[in-house]
Amino acid sequence: MKYIGGKWKAVILIHLIEKKRYNELRKECPMITERTLSLQLKELEADGLVTRTVHTDKAPLKVDYELTEFGRTLIPLLESIALWGRETASRTGAVQQVK
């Protein structure tokens, strides 16, 4: 739980199954404040689950985030959690799809 505990880490990780730019993550996770997203990404990077790549060849700077090999080991778990969440939400009538 040290790696994925908390309100937003699993949400961020499931969005990072495919490489994303920071702004893409912001759009896909509008309920997370910019400060919280930034802090959570830093923690995930420090824990070795996510890599951050800064592209300096063009202005403005572009930053990509993606799962590390260690982070990719979480994909089956994340997909299972997402499935469980969708099934539970269907039963309660509150369905929210994750892209």
N, C-alpha and C. Protein backbone atom coordinates (compact mmCIF):
# COMPACT_ATOMS: atom_id res chain seq x y z
N MET A 1 0.82 -1.20 0.00
CA MET A 1 0.00 0.00 0.00
C MET A 1 0.86 1.26 0.00
N LYS A 2 2.11 1.13 0.41
CA LYS A 2 3.01 2.29 0.38
C LYS A 2 3.08 2.89 -1.02
N TYR A 3 3.05 2.04 -2.03
CA TYR A 3 3.21 2.50 -3.40
C TYR A 3 1.94 3.04 -4.04
N ILE A 4 0.79 2.46 -3.71
CA ILE A 4 -0.44 2.86 -4.39
C ILE A 4 -1.51 3.40 -3.45
N GLY A 5 -1.18 3.51 -2.16
CA GLY A 5 -2.15 3.99 -1.19
C GLY A 5 -2.50 5.45 -1.41
N GLY A 6 -3.59 5.85 -0.86
CA GLY A 6 -4.04 7.23 -0.99
C GLY A 6 -5.16 7.34 -2.00
N LYS A 7 -5.67 8.53 -2.11
CA LYS A 7 -6.87 8.77 -2.92
C LYS A 7 -6.60 8.75 -4.42
N TRP A 8 -5.42 9.21 -4.86
CA TRP A 8 -5.22 9.44 -6.29
C TRP A 8 -4.19 8.57 -6.99
N LYS A 9 -3.32 7.91 -6.28
CA LYS A 9 -2.23 7.18 -6.95
C LYS A 9 -2.72 6.12 -7.92
N ALA A 10 -3.69 5.31 -7.52
CA ALA A 10 -4.20 4.27 -8.42
C ALA A 10 -4.85 4.90 -9.65
N VAL A 11 -5.55 6.01 -9.46
CA VAL A 11 -6.18 6.72 -10.59
C VAL A 11 -5.11 7.20 -11.57
N ILE A 12 -4.08 7.81 -11.06
CA ILE A 12 -2.99 8.31 -11.91
C ILE A 12 -2.30 7.15 -12.62
N LEU A 13 -2.02 6.09 -11.89
CA LEU A 13 -1.32 4.95 -12.48
C LEU A 13 -2.13 4.30 -13.59
N ILE A 14 -3.44 4.18 -13.43
CA ILE A 14 -4.23 3.55 -14.48
C ILE A 14 -4.24 4.41 -15.74
N HIS A 15 -4.17 5.71 -15.58
CA HIS A 15 -4.09 6.60 -16.74
C HIS A 15 -2.72 6.51 -17.41
N LEU A 16 -1.72 6.09 -16.65
CA LEU A 16 -0.37 6.00 -17.20
C LEU A 16 -0.04 4.61 -17.77
N ILE A 17 -1.03 3.76 -17.94
CA ILE A 17 -0.78 2.50 -18.62
C ILE A 17 -0.22 2.80 -20.01
N GLU A 18 -0.67 3.90 -20.59
CA GLU A 18 -0.07 4.42 -21.82
C GLU A 18 0.63 5.73 -21.47
N LYS A 19 1.78 5.98 -22.12
CA LYS A 19 2.55 7.20 -21.85
C LYS A 19 1.66 8.43 -22.07
N LYS A 20 1.79 9.40 -21.18
CA LYS A 20 0.99 10.61 -21.26
C LYS A 20 1.85 11.84 -21.00
N ARG A 21 1.46 12.93 -21.61
CA ARG A 21 2.03 14.24 -21.27
C ARG A 21 1.30 14.75 -20.04
N TYR A 22 1.94 15.66 -19.34
CA TYR A 22 1.35 16.19 -18.11
C TYR A 22 -0.04 16.77 -18.38
N ASN A 23 -0.16 17.57 -19.45
CA ASN A 23 -1.45 18.20 -19.75
C ASN A 23 -2.52 17.17 -20.10
N GLU A 24 -2.14 16.06 -20.71
CA GLU A 24 -3.11 14.99 -20.98
C GLU A 24 -3.63 14.42 -19.67
N LEU A 25 -2.73 14.21 -18.72
CA LEU A 25 -3.15 13.71 -17.40
C LEU A 25 -4.10 14.69 -16.72
N ARG A 26 -3.78 15.98 -16.82
CA ARG A 26 -4.65 17.00 -16.22
C ARG A 26 -6.05 16.93 -16.80
N LYS A 27 -6.14 16.76 -18.12
CA LYS A 27 -7.46 16.69 -18.77
C LYS A 27 -8.21 15.42 -18.40
N GLU A 28 -7.49 14.31 -18.26
CA GLU A 28 -8.13 13.04 -17.95
C GLU A 28 -8.48 12.90 -16.47
N CYS A 29 -7.88 13.72 -15.64
CA CYS A 29 -8.13 13.68 -14.19
C CYS A 29 -8.52 15.07 -13.69
N PRO A 30 -9.63 15.63 -14.20
CA PRO A 30 -9.98 17.01 -13.83
C PRO A 30 -10.34 17.19 -12.36
N MET A 31 -10.66 16.10 -11.66
CA MET A 31 -11.03 16.21 -10.26
C MET A 31 -9.83 16.33 -9.33
N ILE A 32 -8.63 16.10 -9.86
CA ILE A 32 -7.40 16.22 -9.07
C ILE A 32 -6.86 17.63 -9.25
N THR A 33 -6.52 18.29 -8.16
CA THR A 33 -5.95 19.63 -8.30
C THR A 33 -4.56 19.52 -8.92
N GLU A 34 -4.12 20.58 -9.54
CA GLU A 34 -2.80 20.58 -10.17
C GLU A 34 -1.70 20.32 -9.16
N ARG A 35 -1.82 20.90 -7.98
CA ARG A 35 -0.81 20.70 -6.93
C ARG A 35 -0.76 19.24 -6.49
N THR A 36 -1.93 18.65 -6.28
CA THR A 36 -1.99 17.25 -5.85
C THR A 36 -1.43 16.33 -6.92
N LEU A 37 -1.80 16.57 -8.19
CA LEU A 37 -1.28 15.75 -9.27
C LEU A 37 0.24 15.82 -9.32
N SER A 38 0.77 17.03 -9.22
CA SER A 38 2.21 17.22 -9.25
C SER A 38 2.90 16.49 -8.10
N LEU A 39 2.37 16.61 -6.89
CA LEU A 39 2.95 15.95 -5.72
C LEU A 39 2.87 14.43 -5.83
N GLN A 40 1.74 13.92 -6.29
CA GLN A 40 1.58 12.48 -6.43
C GLN A 40 2.52 11.92 -7.48
N LEU A 41 2.69 12.64 -8.60
CA LEU A 41 3.63 12.20 -9.64
C LEU A 41 5.05 12.16 -9.10
N LYS A 42 5.42 13.15 -8.29
CA LYS A 42 6.76 13.16 -7.70
C LYS A 42 6.96 11.96 -6.77
N GLU A 43 5.94 11.63 -5.98
CA GLU A 43 6.04 10.47 -5.09
C GLU A 43 6.13 9.17 -5.89
N LEU A 44 5.32 9.06 -6.94
CA LEU A 44 5.36 7.85 -7.78
C LEU A 44 6.71 7.71 -8.47
N GLU A 45 7.28 8.84 -8.87
CA GLU A 45 8.62 8.81 -9.48
C GLU A 45 9.67 8.40 -8.44
N ALA A 46 9.58 8.96 -7.24
CA ALA A 46 10.53 8.62 -6.18
C ALA A 46 10.43 7.15 -5.78
N ASP A 47 9.24 6.58 -5.88
CA ASP A 47 9.03 5.17 -5.55
C ASP A 47 9.42 4.23 -6.70
N GLY A 48 9.81 4.80 -7.83
CA GLY A 48 10.26 3.98 -8.95
C GLY A 48 9.16 3.40 -9.81
N LEU A 49 7.93 3.92 -9.68
CA LEU A 49 6.82 3.42 -10.48
C LEU A 49 6.63 4.18 -11.78
N VAL A 50 7.08 5.43 -11.81
CA VAL A 50 6.86 6.32 -12.95
C VAL A 50 8.17 6.99 -13.33
N THR A 51 8.37 7.17 -14.63
CA THR A 51 9.51 7.98 -15.10
C THR A 51 8.98 9.26 -15.70
N ARG A 52 9.77 10.28 -15.56
CA ARG A 52 9.45 11.62 -16.07
C ARG A 52 10.52 11.97 -17.09
N THR A 53 10.08 12.32 -18.31
CA THR A 53 11.02 12.69 -19.36
C THR A 53 10.71 14.11 -19.81
N VAL A 54 11.71 14.98 -19.75
CA VAL A 54 11.55 16.37 -20.18
C VAL A 54 12.16 16.50 -21.57
N HIS A 55 11.37 16.99 -22.51
CA HIS A 55 11.85 17.22 -23.88
C HIS A 55 12.21 18.70 -24.01
N THR A 56 13.51 18.96 -24.15
CA THR A 56 13.99 20.34 -24.19
C THR A 56 14.29 20.82 -25.60
N ASP A 57 14.03 19.96 -26.60
CA ASP A 57 14.40 20.31 -27.96
C ASP A 57 13.51 21.38 -28.58
N LYS A 58 12.31 21.56 -28.05
CA LYS A 58 11.39 22.57 -28.59
C LYS A 58 10.78 23.36 -27.44
N ALA A 59 10.44 24.60 -27.74
CA ALA A 59 9.73 25.40 -26.74
C ALA A 59 8.25 25.34 -27.09
N PRO A 60 7.35 25.25 -26.17
CA PRO A 60 7.59 25.11 -24.74
C PRO A 60 8.05 23.69 -24.39
N LEU A 61 8.62 23.56 -23.21
CA LEU A 61 9.07 22.25 -22.75
C LEU A 61 7.89 21.29 -22.68
N LYS A 62 8.15 20.05 -23.01
CA LYS A 62 7.12 19.03 -22.90
C LYS A 62 7.61 17.96 -21.95
N VAL A 63 6.71 17.48 -21.10
CA VAL A 63 7.06 16.48 -20.09
C VAL A 63 6.16 15.27 -20.28
N ASP A 64 6.78 14.10 -20.42
CA ASP A 64 6.06 12.84 -20.53
C ASP A 64 6.20 12.06 -19.23
N TYR A 65 5.15 11.34 -18.90
CA TYR A 65 5.19 10.41 -17.77
C TYR A 65 4.79 9.04 -18.28
N GLU A 66 5.48 8.01 -17.80
CA GLU A 66 5.12 6.65 -18.15
C GLU A 66 5.52 5.71 -17.02
N LEU A 67 4.89 4.54 -17.03
CA LEU A 67 5.22 3.53 -16.02
C LEU A 67 6.60 2.96 -16.29
N THR A 68 7.34 2.71 -15.23
CA THR A 68 8.61 1.99 -15.34
C THR A 68 8.28 0.50 -15.48
N GLU A 69 9.32 -0.31 -15.65
CA GLU A 69 9.08 -1.76 -15.68
C GLU A 69 8.46 -2.22 -14.36
N PHE A 70 8.97 -1.68 -13.27
CA PHE A 70 8.41 -1.99 -11.95
C PHE A 70 6.95 -1.55 -11.88
N GLY A 71 6.68 -0.35 -12.38
CA GLY A 71 5.31 0.16 -12.40
C GLY A 71 4.38 -0.68 -13.25
N ARG A 72 4.89 -1.21 -14.36
CA ARG A 72 4.08 -2.04 -15.26
C ARG A 72 3.64 -3.35 -14.59
N THR A 73 4.36 -3.77 -13.55
CA THR A 73 3.93 -4.98 -12.85
C THR A 73 2.59 -4.77 -12.13
N LEU A 74 2.19 -3.51 -11.97
CA LEU A 74 0.91 -3.19 -11.33
C LEU A 74 -0.27 -3.25 -12.29
N ILE A 75 -0.03 -3.33 -13.60
CA ILE A 75 -1.13 -3.25 -14.57
C ILE A 75 -2.23 -4.27 -14.30
N PRO A 76 -1.92 -5.56 -14.09
CA PRO A 76 -3.02 -6.50 -13.80
C PRO A 76 -3.83 -6.10 -12.56
N LEU A 77 -3.15 -5.63 -11.53
CA LEU A 77 -3.84 -5.20 -10.32
C LEU A 77 -4.72 -3.98 -10.61
N LEU A 78 -4.19 -3.00 -11.32
CA LEU A 78 -4.95 -1.79 -11.64
C LEU A 78 -6.17 -2.12 -12.49
N GLU A 79 -6.00 -3.01 -13.47
CA GLU A 79 -7.12 -3.39 -14.32
C GLU A 79 -8.19 -4.12 -13.51
N SER A 80 -7.78 -4.95 -12.57
CA SER A 80 -8.73 -5.65 -11.70
C SER A 80 -9.49 -4.67 -10.81
N ILE A 81 -8.79 -3.70 -10.27
CA ILE A 81 -9.43 -2.68 -9.43
C ILE A 81 -10.44 -1.88 -10.26
N ALA A 82 -10.05 -1.51 -11.48
CA ALA A 82 -10.95 -0.74 -12.35
C ALA A 82 -12.20 -1.55 -12.69
N LEU A 83 -12.03 -2.84 -12.98
CA LEU A 83 -13.17 -3.71 -13.28
C LEU A 83 -14.09 -3.81 -12.07
N TRP A 84 -13.50 -4.06 -10.91
CA TRP A 84 -14.29 -4.13 -9.68
C TRP A 84 -15.05 -2.82 -9.45
N GLY A 85 -14.40 -1.71 -9.68
CA GLY A 85 -15.04 -0.41 -9.49
C GLY A 85 -16.21 -0.20 -10.44
N ARG A 86 -16.02 -0.58 -11.72
CA ARG A 86 -17.11 -0.44 -12.70
C ARG A 86 -18.29 -1.33 -12.32
N GLU A 87 -18.02 -2.58 -11.91
CA GLU A 87 -19.09 -3.48 -11.52
C GLU A 87 -19.83 -2.97 -10.29
N THR A 88 -19.10 -2.48 -9.33
CA THR A 88 -19.71 -1.94 -8.11
C THR A 88 -20.53 -0.70 -8.43
N ALA A 89 -19.99 0.17 -9.28
CA ALA A 89 -20.71 1.39 -9.65
C ALA A 89 -21.97 1.06 -10.43
N SER A 90 -21.94 0.04 -11.26
CA SER A 90 -23.13 -0.38 -12.01
C SER A 90 -24.25 -0.80 -11.06
N ARG A 91 -23.87 -1.50 -10.01
CA ARG A 91 -24.87 -1.96 -9.04
C ARG A 91 -25.46 -0.80 -8.25
N THR A 92 -24.66 0.22 -8.01
CA THR A 92 -25.15 1.36 -7.22
C THR A 92 -25.69 2.47 -8.09
N GLY A 93 -25.51 2.35 -9.42
CA GLY A 93 -26.05 3.34 -10.34
C GLY A 93 -25.15 4.54 -10.57
N ALA A 94 -23.90 4.49 -10.13
CA ALA A 94 -22.98 5.61 -10.29
C ALA A 94 -21.77 5.13 -11.11
N VAL A 95 -21.93 5.11 -12.42
CA VAL A 95 -20.89 4.60 -13.30
C VAL A 95 -20.04 5.74 -13.84
N GLN A 96 -18.73 5.62 -13.69
CA GLN A 96 -17.80 6.59 -14.26
C GLN A 96 -16.71 5.78 -14.96
N GLN A 97 -16.58 5.97 -16.26
CA GLN A 97 -15.61 5.23 -17.04
C GLN A 97 -14.23 5.87 -16.97
N VAL A 98 -13.19 5.03 -16.91
CA VAL A 98 -11.81 5.48 -16.98
C VAL A 98 -11.35 5.22 -18.40
N LYS A 99 -10.78 6.24 -19.02
CA LYS A 99 -10.31 6.09 -20.40
C LYS A 99 -9.11 5.21 -20.48
